Each structure stands twice: as structure tokens, then as C-alpha cells.
Protein backbone atom coordinates (compact mmCIF):
# COMPACT_ATOMS: atom_id res chain seq x y z
CA MET A 1 -27.00 6.84 -13.52
CA LYS A 2 -24.56 9.74 -13.79
CA LEU A 3 -21.09 10.09 -13.00
CA ARG A 4 -21.84 12.57 -10.57
CA ASP A 5 -23.72 9.11 -8.52
CA ILE A 6 -20.41 6.56 -8.36
CA VAL A 7 -17.11 9.85 -8.07
CA GLU A 8 -15.79 9.62 -4.34
CA ASP A 9 -15.74 13.48 -4.15
CA LYS A 10 -13.18 13.21 -1.79
CA ALA A 11 -10.85 11.33 -3.78
CA ILE A 12 -10.57 13.78 -6.23
CA ILE A 13 -7.77 15.73 -7.61
CA PRO A 14 -7.12 18.18 -9.64
CA ALA A 15 -3.70 18.09 -9.68
CA LEU A 16 -1.61 14.94 -9.46
CA ALA A 17 1.77 15.05 -8.47
CA SER A 18 2.73 12.07 -10.07
CA THR A 19 4.54 11.70 -13.89
CA THR A 20 4.02 7.90 -14.64
CA ARG A 21 0.83 6.38 -15.10
CA ASP A 22 1.94 3.44 -12.57
CA ASP A 23 2.48 6.14 -10.59
CA ALA A 24 -0.81 8.24 -10.99
CA ILE A 25 -2.80 5.40 -10.23
CA ALA A 26 -1.04 4.19 -6.54
CA GLU A 27 -1.82 8.76 -6.11
CA LEU A 28 -5.65 8.09 -7.39
CA VAL A 29 -5.89 4.92 -4.88
CA ASP A 30 -4.21 6.19 -1.86
CA ALA A 31 -6.75 8.76 -2.62
CA LEU A 32 -9.94 6.49 -2.36
CA VAL A 33 -8.27 5.09 0.86
CA SER A 34 -7.60 8.18 2.44
CA ALA A 35 -11.58 8.90 1.72
CA LYS A 36 -12.42 5.89 2.92
CA ALA A 37 -13.45 4.48 0.03
CA ILE A 38 -12.02 1.36 -0.83
CA THR A 39 -10.05 -0.36 2.72
CA ALA A 40 -6.21 0.09 2.64
CA GLY A 41 -5.84 -3.94 2.34
CA PHE A 42 -7.32 -3.88 -1.08
CA ARG A 43 -5.03 -0.93 -1.61
CA ASP A 44 -2.40 -2.97 -3.54
CA GLU A 45 -4.93 -5.23 -5.23
CA CYS A 46 -6.84 -2.49 -7.02
CA ILE A 47 -4.17 -0.78 -8.37
CA ALA A 48 -2.94 -4.47 -9.84
CA GLU A 49 -6.16 -4.41 -11.75
CA ILE A 50 -5.39 -1.18 -12.54
CA ILE A 51 -3.08 -1.22 -13.91
CA LYS A 52 -4.10 -4.71 -15.91
CA ARG A 53 -6.75 -2.93 -16.96
CA GLU A 54 -5.10 -0.44 -18.54
CA LYS A 55 -2.47 -2.35 -20.84
CA LYS A 56 -5.87 -4.09 -22.28
CA GLY A 57 -6.46 -0.03 -23.75
CA SER A 58 -5.71 2.93 -22.25
CA THR A 59 -8.52 4.83 -20.67
CA GLY A 60 -6.83 8.02 -21.36
CA PHE A 61 -8.83 10.65 -23.73
CA GLY A 62 -5.89 13.30 -24.15
CA HIS A 63 -4.34 16.18 -22.78
CA GLY A 64 -3.60 14.79 -19.62
CA VAL A 65 -7.08 13.34 -19.38
CA ALA A 66 -8.06 9.87 -17.48
CA VAL A 67 -10.31 7.88 -16.59
CA PRO A 68 -8.40 4.32 -14.79
CA HIS A 69 -11.14 1.66 -13.91
CA VAL A 70 -12.12 -1.47 -13.37
CA LYS A 71 -14.77 -4.16 -12.55
CA HIS A 72 -14.16 -5.75 -9.25
CA ALA A 73 -16.46 -8.02 -7.27
CA ALA A 74 -15.30 -6.25 -3.72
CA ILE A 75 -16.42 -3.04 -5.09
CA GLU A 76 -20.31 -2.53 -5.41
């Protein structure tokens, strides 16, 4: 499987408006909701799970690039 196969095109944000980690995660999750990749009812739980994952270890590569992610039973 290639990363391209699981990335939701409609949720890509080339330039985030957010300046903090938590706000950026919320902005990205909101983009997933807008793209209908996840339901609005799952938004807050998804944000909380991603932040919990980030606290274990950053998904940042440096130079403003990161791939925040988490495994969850509700997401295929």
C-alpha cells in the first residue's frame, strides 16, 4: 500500500492557519470532517486520540512537516 492510497485529497491543507500543535491537529481533523472522511460526531475523540499519541512521541519530521496519526477501531 502506498501513502497516496490512504490520503484524503480533499483534506490536504498546504498552509495551516494554526500556530500550535493542538490547534493544527484540530484544523487537520476539521478538514477530514469537511471532506466527509470522518463524521463530525467523532471529531473531538479523534483530536484527543491524536494529541495523546503525540505526547508519546512527536510525528514531526522537522522544518514544519509532520504526519499526526493514530490507529483507531472506528477508522479503516
